[in-house]
């Protein structure tokens, strides 16, 4: 049996290490805590850890359902990477979408993690293969791209090209126990499955506004009305962060150079003005 083959009962008392306490890191931690398991959140800044801990505390009760096992999971925060990884069956990296940061961070994770820890990057646009330079055993690394739990609970799962099949099978079987649902990309693809489609929606929404055809609230209003969605593209970009959206769009342009420029130009204008979305108090909307 592979070292990375687990059933839920094997790992329910072992921690998940979430590396990064930003918008998505804290949401990922929330989902793993919602089924009774211990979660360790790592970040370098104590204030970000405090915000992540507060987010989990404020939202944990609403995502717990009848499948919870006794008490909710215990979430601890730390500025020590080694402490975060101590005993972890899974390490989910949710660092900024900068490849040099991820390569260096995965080298540090590789040095500190137990030998049977599954390595998963939450990267929204980079295949894990590109950040595996300093990972000695590349068979335990893969993409697990979470969207925006607990409201949006799909996960893209994708091999790094060498990933042990047991890693993928374990995640396909176990992640639903934590209220998130994986779909496997059958070949390497920038943007994975849904994000590839979603990128086109965002890009065309930005183009409509950049060309002066409509306002963000018009696009969002029609999107929600026609599709029955709870939020529109501009509201969701504000939630994720316009700086993050810009980094993703730049990466798509590197891979697909034929893409038009006005979508990222509009995002760049907002970022240059310090309007990053919800986290800065203003983006396409004011908060």
Protein backbone atom coordinates (compact mmCIF):
# COMPACT_ATOMS: atom_id res chain seq x y z
CA UNK A 1 0.00 0.00 0.00
CA UNK A 2 1.20 3.51 -0.77
CA UNK A 3 2.38 5.71 2.09
CA UNK A 4 -0.23 8.24 0.95
CA UNK A 5 -3.27 5.94 1.00
CA UNK A 6 -5.64 6.99 3.79
CA UNK A 7 -9.23 6.41 4.80
CA UNK A 8 -11.09 9.05 6.76
CA UNK A 9 -10.84 7.08 10.00
CA UNK A 10 -7.05 6.95 9.56
CA UNK A 11 -6.62 10.71 9.53
CA UNK A 12 -9.56 12.24 11.41
CA UNK A 13 -7.37 12.77 14.51
CA UNK A 14 -4.33 13.99 12.59
CA UNK A 15 -4.02 17.69 11.79
CA UNK A 16 -4.31 19.43 8.46
CA UNK A 17 -1.71 22.16 8.05
CA UNK A 18 -2.94 25.22 6.14
CA UNK A 19 0.02 27.27 5.01
CA UNK A 20 -1.26 30.82 4.56
CA UNK A 21 -3.95 32.70 6.48
CA UNK A 22 -5.36 34.95 3.77
CA UNK A 23 -8.83 35.01 2.25
CA UNK A 24 -8.75 31.42 1.02
CA UNK A 25 -6.41 29.94 3.62
CA UNK A 26 -8.78 30.76 6.47
CA UNK A 27 -11.76 29.40 4.52
CA UNK A 28 -9.95 26.14 3.80
CA UNK A 29 -9.08 25.86 7.50
CA UNK A 30 -12.76 26.41 8.34
CA UNK A 31 -13.86 23.48 6.19
CA UNK A 32 -11.32 21.07 7.66
CA UNK A 33 -12.29 22.15 11.18
CA UNK A 34 -15.99 21.69 10.45
CA UNK A 35 -15.77 17.90 10.64
CA UNK A 36 -14.02 17.67 13.97
CA UNK A 37 -10.42 17.45 12.85
CA UNK A 38 -7.51 19.49 14.23
CA UNK A 39 -6.22 22.27 11.98
CA UNK A 40 -2.95 24.18 12.20
CA UNK A 41 -2.78 27.53 10.37
CA UNK A 42 0.66 28.94 9.58
CA UNK A 43 1.51 32.50 8.58
CA UNK A 44 4.39 34.86 9.28
CA UNK A 45 2.25 37.77 10.50
CA UNK A 46 0.51 37.41 13.86
CA UNK A 47 -2.19 39.91 12.95
CA UNK A 48 -3.17 37.82 9.90
CA UNK A 49 -3.30 34.71 12.06
CA UNK A 50 -5.54 36.50 14.54
CA UNK A 51 -7.90 37.51 11.73
CA UNK A 52 -7.97 33.93 10.42
CA UNK A 53 -8.70 32.54 13.88
CA UNK A 54 -11.52 35.05 14.34
CA UNK A 55 -13.01 34.17 10.94
CA UNK A 56 -13.08 30.46 11.78
CA UNK A 57 -14.57 31.10 15.23
CA UNK A 58 -17.32 33.32 13.78
CA UNK A 59 -18.28 30.91 10.99
CA UNK A 60 -17.68 27.42 12.32
CA UNK A 61 -21.12 26.93 13.83
CA UNK A 62 -22.92 27.68 10.56
CA UNK A 63 -21.04 25.09 8.53
CA UNK A 64 -21.33 22.25 11.01
CA UNK A 65 -24.10 19.81 10.09
CA UNK A 66 -25.35 16.42 11.25
CA UNK A 67 -22.18 14.72 10.02
CA UNK A 68 -19.97 16.52 12.54
CA UNK A 69 -18.12 14.15 14.85
CA UNK A 70 -18.68 15.42 18.36
CA UNK A 71 -17.10 18.79 18.98
CA UNK A 72 -15.79 20.99 16.16
CA UNK A 73 -12.14 20.67 15.27
CA UNK A 74 -9.59 22.65 17.26
CA UNK A 75 -7.90 25.35 15.20
CA UNK A 76 -4.49 26.58 16.32
CA UNK A 77 -2.32 29.22 14.71
CA UNK A 78 1.44 29.49 14.63
CA UNK A 79 4.31 31.42 13.09
CA UNK A 80 6.40 28.21 13.16
CA UNK A 81 6.19 26.16 9.98
CA UNK A 82 7.56 23.10 11.79
CA UNK A 83 4.85 23.34 14.46
CA UNK A 84 2.14 23.70 11.81
CA UNK A 85 3.32 20.56 10.02
CA UNK A 86 3.81 18.46 13.15
CA UNK A 87 1.91 15.20 12.56
CA UNK A 88 -0.01 16.59 9.57
CA UNK A 89 -1.52 14.14 7.09
CA UNK A 90 -2.13 16.98 4.63
CA UNK A 91 -0.39 20.30 3.97
CA UNK A 92 -2.39 22.80 1.90
CA UNK A 93 -0.34 25.76 0.67
CA UNK A 94 -2.35 28.94 0.11
CA UNK A 95 0.42 31.49 -0.41
CA UNK A 96 0.31 34.47 -2.81
CA UNK A 97 0.11 33.61 -6.49
CA UNK A 98 3.82 34.24 -7.11
CA UNK A 99 5.81 31.28 -8.37
CA UNK A 100 9.10 32.26 -6.72
CA UNK A 101 7.34 32.43 -3.34
CA UNK A 102 5.74 29.02 -3.85
CA UNK A 103 8.96 27.31 -4.96
CA UNK A 104 10.83 28.54 -1.90
CA UNK A 105 7.96 27.78 0.46
CA UNK A 106 7.55 24.22 -0.81
CA UNK A 107 11.24 23.65 -0.22
CA UNK A 108 10.74 24.69 3.41
CA UNK A 109 7.60 22.56 3.76
CA UNK A 110 9.45 19.57 2.30
CA UNK A 111 12.18 19.90 4.94
CA UNK A 112 9.74 20.16 7.86
CA UNK A 113 6.86 17.82 7.01
CA UNK A 114 6.45 14.17 8.08
CA UNK A 115 7.42 11.71 5.33
CA UNK A 116 3.80 10.63 4.72
CA UNK A 117 2.24 14.10 4.49
CA UNK A 118 0.32 14.75 1.27
CA UNK A 119 1.39 18.03 -0.34
CA UNK A 120 -1.33 20.15 -1.96
CA UNK A 121 -1.13 23.62 -3.45
CA UNK A 122 -4.20 25.83 -3.63
CA UNK A 123 -2.71 27.71 -6.57
CA UNK A 124 -5.45 29.06 -8.82
CA UNK A 125 -3.37 29.20 -11.99
CA UNK A 126 0.00 27.44 -11.63
CA UNK A 127 0.28 23.66 -12.05
CA UNK A 128 2.07 22.09 -9.10
CA UNK A 129 4.79 20.82 -11.43
CA UNK A 130 6.13 24.37 -11.69
CA UNK A 131 6.67 24.72 -7.93
CA UNK A 132 8.17 21.26 -7.29
CA UNK A 133 11.82 22.21 -7.81
CA UNK A 134 12.78 21.76 -4.15
CA UNK A 135 10.36 18.93 -3.31
CA UNK A 136 12.36 15.71 -3.09
CA UNK A 137 9.44 13.30 -3.55
CA UNK A 138 7.30 14.80 -6.28
CA UNK A 139 4.88 11.86 -6.11
CA UNK A 140 3.21 13.37 -3.04
CA UNK A 141 2.48 16.80 -4.57
CA UNK A 142 -0.62 17.87 -6.47
CA UNK A 143 -3.00 20.78 -7.05
CA UNK A 144 -6.05 21.07 -4.83
CA UNK A 145 -7.58 24.33 -5.98
CA UNK A 146 -10.39 25.40 -3.64
CA UNK A 147 -12.82 28.06 -4.76
CA UNK A 148 -14.59 30.05 -2.03
CA UNK A 149 -15.85 27.71 0.69
CA UNK A 150 -18.15 27.44 2.52
CA UNK A 151 -20.33 29.05 -0.16
CA UNK A 152 -18.57 27.45 -3.17
CA UNK A 153 -17.25 24.01 -2.32
CA UNK A 154 -15.84 22.57 -5.52
CA UNK A 155 -12.13 21.63 -5.68
CA UNK A 156 -9.98 21.13 -8.77
CA UNK A 157 -7.64 18.17 -8.28
CA UNK A 158 -4.69 17.79 -10.67
CA UNK A 159 -1.50 15.72 -10.78
CA UNK A 160 1.96 17.31 -10.98
CA UNK A 161 2.77 14.75 -13.68
CA UNK A 162 4.32 12.33 -11.19
CA UNK A 163 1.71 12.27 -8.41
CA UNK A 164 1.18 8.90 -6.74
CA UNK A 165 -2.25 7.61 -7.78
CA UNK A 166 -2.97 6.89 -4.11
CA UNK A 167 -2.64 10.62 -3.33
CA UNK A 168 -5.35 11.48 -5.83
CA UNK A 169 -7.58 8.57 -4.81
CA UNK A 170 -7.22 9.48 -1.13
CA UNK A 171 -8.22 13.09 -1.76
CA UNK A 172 -11.12 12.09 -4.02
CA UNK A 173 -12.43 9.85 -1.25
CA UNK A 174 -11.63 11.91 1.85
CA UNK A 175 -12.22 15.57 0.91
CA UNK A 176 -16.03 15.15 0.71
CA UNK A 177 -15.96 14.13 4.37
CA UNK A 178 -14.90 17.72 5.07
CA UNK A 179 -17.67 19.24 2.98
CA UNK A 180 -15.57 20.00 -0.11
CA UNK A 181 -15.94 18.11 -3.37
CA UNK A 182 -13.05 17.35 -5.74
CA UNK A 183 -13.15 16.94 -9.53
CA UNK A 184 -10.03 15.57 -11.20
CA UNK A 185 -8.49 17.28 -14.23
CA UNK A 186 -7.49 14.42 -16.51
CA UNK A 187 -4.53 16.29 -17.98
CA UNK A 188 -2.50 19.31 -16.95
CA UNK A 189 -4.31 22.53 -17.81
CA UNK A 190 -3.69 26.12 -16.81
CA UNK A 191 -6.92 27.12 -15.09
CA UNK A 192 -7.89 23.51 -14.36
CA UNK A 193 -11.59 22.83 -15.04
CA UNK A 194 -13.99 25.44 -13.73
CA UNK A 195 -11.43 28.24 -13.42
CA UNK A 196 -10.71 27.99 -17.14
CA UNK A 197 -14.40 28.66 -17.82
CA UNK A 198 -14.67 31.25 -15.03
CA UNK A 199 -11.62 33.17 -16.38
CA UNK A 200 -13.45 33.70 -19.65
CA UNK A 201 -16.52 35.00 -17.81
CA UNK A 202 -14.42 37.42 -15.74
CA UNK A 203 -12.43 38.57 -18.76
CA UNK A 204 -15.52 39.32 -20.84
CA UNK A 205 -17.21 41.04 -17.88
CA UNK A 206 -14.15 43.27 -17.46
CA UNK A 207 -14.13 43.97 -21.20
CA UNK A 208 -17.76 45.09 -21.19
CA UNK A 209 -16.95 47.62 -18.44
CA UNK A 210 -13.58 48.67 -19.89
CA UNK A 211 -15.27 49.46 -23.21
CA UNK A 212 -17.88 51.62 -21.45
CA UNK A 213 -20.77 49.34 -22.43
CA UNK A 214 -21.97 48.82 -18.85
CA UNK A 215 -21.15 49.43 -15.20
CA UNK A 216 -20.02 46.64 -12.86
CA UNK A 217 -23.39 46.69 -11.10
CA UNK A 218 -25.18 46.25 -14.45
CA UNK A 219 -23.15 43.16 -15.32
CA UNK A 220 -23.60 41.73 -11.84
CA UNK A 221 -27.31 42.50 -11.80
CA UNK A 222 -28.01 40.71 -15.08
CA UNK A 223 -25.71 37.82 -14.17
CA UNK A 224 -27.55 37.19 -10.91
CA UNK A 225 -31.00 37.68 -12.41
CA UNK A 226 -30.47 35.49 -15.45
CA UNK A 227 -28.49 32.69 -13.78
CA UNK A 228 -29.94 32.76 -10.28
CA UNK A 229 -26.46 33.27 -8.85
CA UNK A 230 -26.01 34.85 -5.40
CA UNK A 231 -23.19 37.14 -6.61
CA UNK A 232 -21.92 38.53 -9.87
CA UNK A 233 -18.40 38.51 -11.38
CA UNK A 234 -17.41 41.93 -10.01
CA UNK A 235 -18.67 41.14 -6.52
CA UNK A 236 -16.70 37.90 -6.55
CA UNK A 237 -13.54 39.61 -7.81
CA UNK A 238 -13.85 42.13 -4.96
CA UNK A 239 -14.20 39.24 -2.53
CA UNK A 240 -11.10 37.42 -3.79
CA UNK A 241 -9.07 40.64 -4.16
CA UNK A 242 -8.40 42.60 -7.33
CA UNK A 243 -4.64 42.22 -6.87
CA UNK A 244 -5.10 38.44 -6.86
CA UNK A 245 -7.40 38.64 -9.89
CA UNK A 246 -4.76 40.72 -11.70
CA UNK A 247 -1.96 38.24 -10.92
CA UNK A 248 -4.12 35.41 -12.26
CA UNK A 249 -5.00 37.33 -15.41
CA UNK A 250 -1.32 38.15 -16.06
CA UNK A 251 -0.47 34.47 -15.75
CA UNK A 252 -3.17 33.49 -18.22
CA UNK A 253 -1.75 36.05 -20.62
CA UNK A 254 1.71 34.49 -20.29
CA UNK A 255 0.24 31.11 -21.26
CA UNK A 256 -2.27 32.39 -23.83
CA UNK A 257 -0.63 35.49 -25.39
CA UNK A 258 -3.54 36.02 -27.80
CA UNK A 259 -5.82 37.24 -24.99
CA UNK A 260 -6.92 40.90 -25.19
CA UNK A 261 -5.29 43.42 -22.83
CA UNK A 262 -8.17 45.66 -21.70
CA UNK A 263 -9.36 43.28 -18.95
CA UNK A 264 -6.05 43.35 -17.08
CA UNK A 265 -5.60 47.06 -17.85
CA UNK A 266 -8.84 47.81 -16.00
CA UNK A 267 -7.75 45.66 -13.05
CA UNK A 268 -4.35 47.37 -13.03
CA UNK A 269 -6.02 50.79 -12.77
CA UNK A 270 -7.93 49.70 -9.66
CA UNK A 271 -4.89 48.06 -8.06
CA UNK A 272 -2.73 51.12 -8.75
CA UNK A 273 -5.38 53.22 -7.00
CA UNK A 274 -5.25 50.95 -3.94
CA UNK A 275 -8.75 49.65 -4.60
CA UNK A 276 -8.25 45.95 -3.93
CA UNK A 277 -11.82 44.97 -3.09
CA UNK A 278 -13.33 43.95 0.21
CA UNK A 279 -9.97 43.76 2.04
CA UNK A 280 -9.16 47.41 1.32
CA UNK A 281 -12.70 48.73 1.76
CA UNK A 282 -13.19 49.55 -1.90
CA UNK A 283 -12.88 47.83 -5.25
CA UNK A 284 -15.59 47.82 -7.88
CA UNK A 285 -17.86 48.47 -4.88
CA UNK A 286 -17.40 50.32 -1.58
CA UNK A 287 -17.53 48.36 1.69
